[in-house]
């Protein structure tokens, strides 16, 4: 674990494993610990760098206006600090949007691109649908366990939300470990991250990613980054491969890590 001082923020990051470098970028309100389910399978083969995005977790203070381009600068600064000329880049949710912009701005720095449960147009993930509105509101108000249940409903398909108290409590504890905070509470600056994502759109430029080995992973029941946007993303990037995880939702990289990791490991080793 270490920190890198960059543009008035101490970026907190962790390096694990050995081998070719992999940069792992997380989404709104998720700390670098969101990649813990991937590390056991990737670290034996790759050097994995996971980090807290600016203004989240231990990457404090926020330092300046939060935008996707600024978070791309942060990612490149972390690569520079390791002396990495290039790396495999993996992004989940907002992290996938950051990864797209990184590839568009500095394609020579990428060995490959993996985009999980993400969109090219931020508004497609942040715009209000009935589900996002009514479920999202319940992640902010009510009892702690009520907010935890609503959070689970946001990131898991209905059949994966436990009914029994013991199972519910165990899953809430596990998800809180991965997300890096009690899932009953949104971390500071999560709204700023949402605003940054909403303002960003890579769609018109995706054709410029031709030639970068790209894997797009979507989840069948994702309500945050619906699979139709994953399919459109893969279609818009020439040569991209597409994988859809049946029966899964936005939290697939965590709760369906076995399937996700097998696909990612295959992609990285072939790139």
Protein backbone atom coordinates (compact mmCIF):
# COMPACT_ATOMS: atom_id res chain seq x y z
CA UNK A 1 0.00 0.00 0.00
CA UNK A 2 1.26 3.46 -0.86
CA UNK A 3 0.17 6.97 -1.79
CA UNK A 4 1.02 9.22 -4.70
CA UNK A 5 0.64 12.98 -4.32
CA UNK A 6 -0.92 14.25 -7.54
CA UNK A 7 -2.73 17.54 -8.10
CA UNK A 8 -3.55 18.18 -4.44
CA UNK A 9 -4.70 14.62 -3.72
CA UNK A 10 -2.88 11.74 -2.07
CA UNK A 11 -3.91 8.85 -4.32
CA UNK A 12 -4.00 5.67 -2.23
CA UNK A 13 -3.12 2.47 -4.08
CA UNK A 14 -2.12 -1.16 -3.58
CA UNK A 15 0.22 -3.32 -5.67
CA UNK A 16 -0.15 -7.10 -5.63
CA UNK A 17 1.26 -9.99 -7.64
CA UNK A 18 3.97 -10.19 -10.27
CA UNK A 19 4.14 -10.17 -14.04
CA UNK A 20 2.81 -7.78 -16.69
CA UNK A 21 1.06 -4.73 -15.23
CA UNK A 22 -2.70 -4.42 -14.82
CA UNK A 23 -4.40 -1.14 -13.84
CA UNK A 24 -7.80 -1.66 -12.16
CA UNK A 25 -10.29 1.25 -12.04
CA UNK A 26 -13.45 1.17 -9.93
CA UNK A 27 -16.84 2.84 -10.15
CA UNK A 28 -18.93 5.34 -8.21
CA UNK A 29 -18.54 5.06 -4.46
CA UNK A 30 -16.36 1.94 -4.65
CA UNK A 31 -12.87 1.81 -3.19
CA UNK A 32 -9.97 -0.14 -4.64
CA UNK A 33 -11.08 -3.01 -2.41
CA UNK A 34 -13.81 -3.61 -4.98
CA UNK A 35 -11.18 -5.58 -6.91
CA UNK A 36 -10.46 -8.02 -4.07
CA UNK A 37 -12.51 -10.78 -5.75
CA UNK A 38 -10.27 -10.51 -8.84
CA UNK A 39 -6.88 -10.37 -7.14
CA UNK A 40 -6.53 -14.08 -6.19
CA UNK A 41 -6.94 -15.18 -9.81
CA UNK A 42 -4.99 -12.37 -11.49
CA UNK A 43 -2.10 -11.72 -9.08
CA UNK A 44 -0.32 -15.05 -9.75
CA UNK A 45 0.09 -13.95 -13.37
CA UNK A 46 0.04 -10.13 -13.31
CA UNK A 47 1.08 -7.15 -11.19
CA UNK A 48 -2.25 -5.63 -10.15
CA UNK A 49 -2.58 -1.98 -9.19
CA UNK A 50 -5.91 -1.09 -7.56
CA UNK A 51 -6.64 2.28 -6.02
CA UNK A 52 -9.20 4.59 -4.47
CA UNK A 53 -10.37 7.18 -6.98
CA UNK A 54 -9.81 10.84 -6.12
CA UNK A 55 -11.98 11.94 -3.19
CA UNK A 56 -13.04 8.39 -2.26
CA UNK A 57 -11.72 6.31 0.64
CA UNK A 58 -8.12 7.15 1.47
CA UNK A 59 -7.47 9.20 -1.68
CA UNK A 60 -7.93 12.57 0.02
CA UNK A 61 -8.46 15.47 -0.22
CA UNK A 62 -10.48 15.71 -3.40
CA UNK A 63 -8.16 18.56 -4.37
CA UNK A 64 -9.94 19.94 -7.43
CA UNK A 65 -12.98 19.64 -9.68
CA UNK A 66 -13.92 16.02 -10.32
CA UNK A 67 -14.24 15.02 -13.98
CA UNK A 68 -13.62 11.88 -16.00
CA UNK A 69 -10.60 13.53 -17.72
CA UNK A 70 -9.14 14.38 -14.30
CA UNK A 71 -9.57 10.77 -13.16
CA UNK A 72 -7.82 9.67 -16.36
CA UNK A 73 -4.90 11.95 -15.43
CA UNK A 74 -4.83 10.31 -11.99
CA UNK A 75 -4.71 6.84 -13.55
CA UNK A 76 -1.85 7.81 -15.87
CA UNK A 77 0.03 9.39 -12.96
CA UNK A 78 -0.20 6.10 -11.05
CA UNK A 79 1.15 4.25 -14.09
CA UNK A 80 3.98 6.76 -14.43
CA UNK A 81 4.88 6.36 -10.76
CA UNK A 82 5.44 2.64 -11.35
CA UNK A 83 7.46 3.28 -14.50
CA UNK A 84 4.83 1.48 -16.58
CA UNK A 85 5.00 2.45 -20.23
CA UNK A 86 1.83 0.42 -20.80
CA UNK A 87 -0.58 -1.82 -18.93
CA UNK A 88 -3.69 -3.92 -19.29
CA UNK A 89 -6.54 -1.65 -18.17
CA UNK A 90 -9.68 -2.97 -16.49
CA UNK A 91 -12.63 -0.77 -15.54
CA UNK A 92 -15.94 -1.50 -13.83
CA UNK A 93 -18.98 0.80 -14.06
CA UNK A 94 -17.71 4.42 -13.99
CA UNK A 95 -14.24 2.87 -14.02
CA UNK A 96 -15.08 1.49 -17.45
CA UNK A 97 -15.90 4.97 -18.69
CA UNK A 98 -12.61 6.25 -17.27
CA UNK A 99 -10.83 3.35 -19.00
CA UNK A 100 -12.44 4.23 -22.34
CA UNK A 101 -11.31 7.85 -22.05
CA UNK A 102 -7.82 6.75 -21.01
CA UNK A 103 -7.61 4.55 -24.10
CA UNK A 104 -8.79 7.39 -26.34
CA UNK A 105 -6.29 9.86 -24.90
CA UNK A 106 -3.28 7.55 -24.56
CA UNK A 107 -3.88 4.38 -26.57
CA UNK A 108 -0.13 3.66 -26.64
CA UNK A 109 -0.30 3.09 -22.87
CA UNK A 110 -2.72 0.13 -23.20
CA UNK A 111 -1.87 -3.51 -23.73
CA UNK A 112 -5.57 -4.38 -23.62
CA UNK A 113 -8.91 -3.02 -22.44
CA UNK A 114 -11.53 -4.79 -20.31
CA UNK A 115 -14.85 -3.00 -19.74
CA UNK A 116 -17.24 -4.45 -17.15
CA UNK A 117 -20.87 -3.45 -16.57
CA UNK A 118 -20.31 -0.01 -18.05
CA UNK A 119 -21.53 2.52 -20.60
CA UNK A 120 -20.03 4.94 -23.08
CA UNK A 121 -22.59 7.68 -22.38
CA UNK A 122 -22.72 8.47 -18.67
CA UNK A 123 -26.37 9.51 -18.75
CA UNK A 124 -27.29 5.95 -19.74
CA UNK A 125 -26.17 4.82 -16.28
CA UNK A 126 -27.27 7.82 -14.23
CA UNK A 127 -30.55 8.84 -15.83
CA UNK A 128 -33.59 8.16 -13.68
CA UNK A 129 -35.66 5.09 -14.48
CA UNK A 130 -38.51 4.02 -12.18
CA UNK A 131 -36.27 1.32 -10.68
CA UNK A 132 -33.32 3.65 -10.14
CA UNK A 133 -35.52 6.32 -8.60
CA UNK A 134 -37.53 4.22 -6.16
CA UNK A 135 -34.73 1.82 -5.23
CA UNK A 136 -32.10 4.56 -5.19
CA UNK A 137 -34.12 6.71 -2.78
CA UNK A 138 -34.27 3.80 -0.34
CA UNK A 139 -30.46 3.62 -0.28
CA UNK A 140 -30.51 7.10 1.29
CA UNK A 141 -33.46 7.01 3.70
CA UNK A 142 -34.90 4.64 6.30
CA UNK A 143 -33.25 2.19 8.67
CA UNK A 144 -29.68 1.00 8.14
CA UNK A 145 -30.84 -2.49 7.20
CA UNK A 146 -33.47 -1.03 4.88
CA UNK A 147 -30.77 0.98 3.11
CA UNK A 148 -28.55 -2.12 2.91
CA UNK A 149 -31.39 -4.11 1.34
CA UNK A 150 -32.05 -1.36 -1.22
CA UNK A 151 -28.34 -1.23 -2.05
CA UNK A 152 -28.32 -5.00 -2.63
CA UNK A 153 -31.32 -4.63 -4.90
CA UNK A 154 -29.40 -2.03 -6.92
CA UNK A 155 -26.39 -4.27 -7.55
CA UNK A 156 -27.78 -7.83 -7.38
CA UNK A 157 -30.59 -9.65 -9.18
CA UNK A 158 -33.64 -10.36 -6.99
CA UNK A 159 -32.80 -14.04 -6.49
CA UNK A 160 -29.41 -13.13 -4.96
CA UNK A 161 -30.82 -10.87 -2.21
CA UNK A 162 -31.13 -13.10 0.90
CA UNK A 163 -34.36 -13.33 2.85
CA UNK A 164 -33.03 -15.06 5.98
CA UNK A 165 -31.49 -12.59 8.45
CA UNK A 166 -28.25 -14.52 9.00
CA UNK A 167 -27.60 -14.80 5.27
CA UNK A 168 -28.57 -11.17 4.72
CA UNK A 169 -26.22 -9.96 7.46
CA UNK A 170 -23.36 -12.10 6.14
CA UNK A 171 -23.76 -10.79 2.59
CA UNK A 172 -24.09 -7.17 3.79
CA UNK A 173 -20.81 -7.60 5.70
CA UNK A 174 -19.07 -9.12 2.67
CA UNK A 175 -20.32 -6.46 0.25
CA UNK A 176 -19.29 -3.72 2.70
CA UNK A 177 -15.77 -5.18 2.76
CA UNK A 178 -15.58 -5.15 -1.03
CA UNK A 179 -17.18 -1.74 -1.53
CA UNK A 180 -14.92 -0.35 1.20
CA UNK A 181 -17.72 1.08 3.36
CA UNK A 182 -20.92 0.03 5.09
CA UNK A 183 -23.36 -0.34 2.21
CA UNK A 184 -25.96 1.45 4.36
CA UNK A 185 -24.04 4.69 3.77
CA UNK A 186 -22.87 6.44 0.61
CA UNK A 187 -19.29 7.73 0.86
CA UNK A 188 -18.56 11.46 0.58
CA UNK A 189 -18.12 12.67 -3.01
CA UNK A 190 -20.17 9.84 -4.52
CA UNK A 191 -22.59 12.45 -5.88
CA UNK A 192 -19.66 14.34 -7.44
CA UNK A 193 -18.59 11.12 -9.12
CA UNK A 194 -22.12 10.61 -10.45
CA UNK A 195 -22.10 14.15 -11.82
CA UNK A 196 -18.74 13.56 -13.51
CA UNK A 197 -20.05 10.37 -15.09
CA UNK A 198 -23.27 12.05 -16.22
CA UNK A 199 -21.31 14.77 -18.03
CA UNK A 200 -19.14 12.35 -20.01
CA UNK A 201 -19.71 10.61 -23.36
CA UNK A 202 -17.18 8.63 -25.37
CA UNK A 203 -19.72 7.27 -27.88
CA UNK A 204 -18.74 9.35 -30.94
CA UNK A 205 -15.08 8.34 -30.60
CA UNK A 206 -15.30 4.62 -29.87
CA UNK A 207 -14.29 3.68 -33.42
CA UNK A 208 -10.87 5.15 -32.61
CA UNK A 209 -10.26 2.24 -30.22
CA UNK A 210 -9.87 -0.15 -33.17
CA UNK A 211 -6.79 -2.30 -32.72
CA UNK A 212 -6.84 -2.36 -28.92
CA UNK A 213 -7.72 -5.89 -27.74
CA UNK A 214 -11.02 -5.23 -25.98
CA UNK A 215 -13.37 -7.39 -23.93
CA UNK A 216 -16.79 -6.03 -22.91
CA UNK A 217 -18.59 -7.86 -20.10
CA UNK A 218 -22.24 -7.11 -19.30
CA UNK A 219 -24.77 -8.66 -16.92
CA UNK A 220 -28.22 -9.80 -17.99
CA UNK A 221 -30.18 -8.08 -15.20
CA UNK A 222 -27.99 -5.01 -14.66
CA UNK A 223 -30.22 -2.02 -13.83
CA UNK A 224 -27.33 0.48 -13.64
CA UNK A 225 -25.52 -0.39 -16.88
CA UNK A 226 -28.11 -2.46 -18.76
CA UNK A 227 -26.76 -5.16 -21.04
CA UNK A 228 -28.10 -3.40 -24.13
CA UNK A 229 -25.51 -0.67 -23.56
CA UNK A 230 -22.78 -3.27 -23.19
CA UNK A 231 -23.80 -4.81 -26.50
CA UNK A 232 -23.80 -1.37 -28.14
CA UNK A 233 -20.38 -0.60 -26.66
CA UNK A 234 -18.87 -3.82 -27.99
CA UNK A 235 -20.42 -3.23 -31.42
CA UNK A 236 -19.03 0.31 -31.58
CA UNK A 237 -15.43 -0.74 -30.80
CA UNK A 238 -14.06 -2.50 -33.89
CA UNK A 239 -12.88 -6.00 -33.02
CA UNK A 240 -14.20 -5.99 -29.45
CA UNK A 241 -15.40 -9.26 -27.93
CA UNK A 242 -18.62 -9.37 -25.91
CA UNK A 243 -19.66 -11.56 -22.98
CA UNK A 244 -22.97 -11.42 -21.12
CA UNK A 245 -23.35 -13.12 -17.74
CA UNK A 246 -26.74 -14.80 -17.47
CA UNK A 247 -28.74 -14.17 -14.32
CA UNK A 248 -26.29 -11.54 -13.02
CA UNK A 249 -26.50 -7.84 -12.23
CA UNK A 250 -24.16 -4.88 -11.68
CA UNK A 251 -22.22 -6.56 -8.89
CA UNK A 252 -21.25 -9.51 -11.10
CA UNK A 253 -17.46 -8.94 -10.80
CA UNK A 254 -17.85 -9.44 -7.05
CA UNK A 255 -20.53 -12.10 -6.60
CA UNK A 256 -19.87 -13.96 -9.87
CA UNK A 257 -16.11 -13.56 -9.72
CA UNK A 258 -15.35 -17.08 -10.94
CA UNK A 259 -16.97 -16.54 -14.34
CA UNK A 260 -15.70 -12.98 -14.68
CA UNK A 261 -12.12 -13.83 -13.70
CA UNK A 262 -11.90 -16.76 -16.09
CA UNK A 263 -12.93 -14.53 -18.99
CA UNK A 264 -10.62 -11.69 -17.95
CA UNK A 265 -7.63 -13.97 -17.41
CA UNK A 266 -8.15 -15.52 -20.85
CA UNK A 267 -8.41 -12.06 -22.41
CA UNK A 268 -5.26 -10.73 -20.72
CA UNK A 269 -3.19 -13.79 -21.57
CA UNK A 270 -4.25 -13.63 -25.22
CA UNK A 271 -3.59 -9.89 -25.59
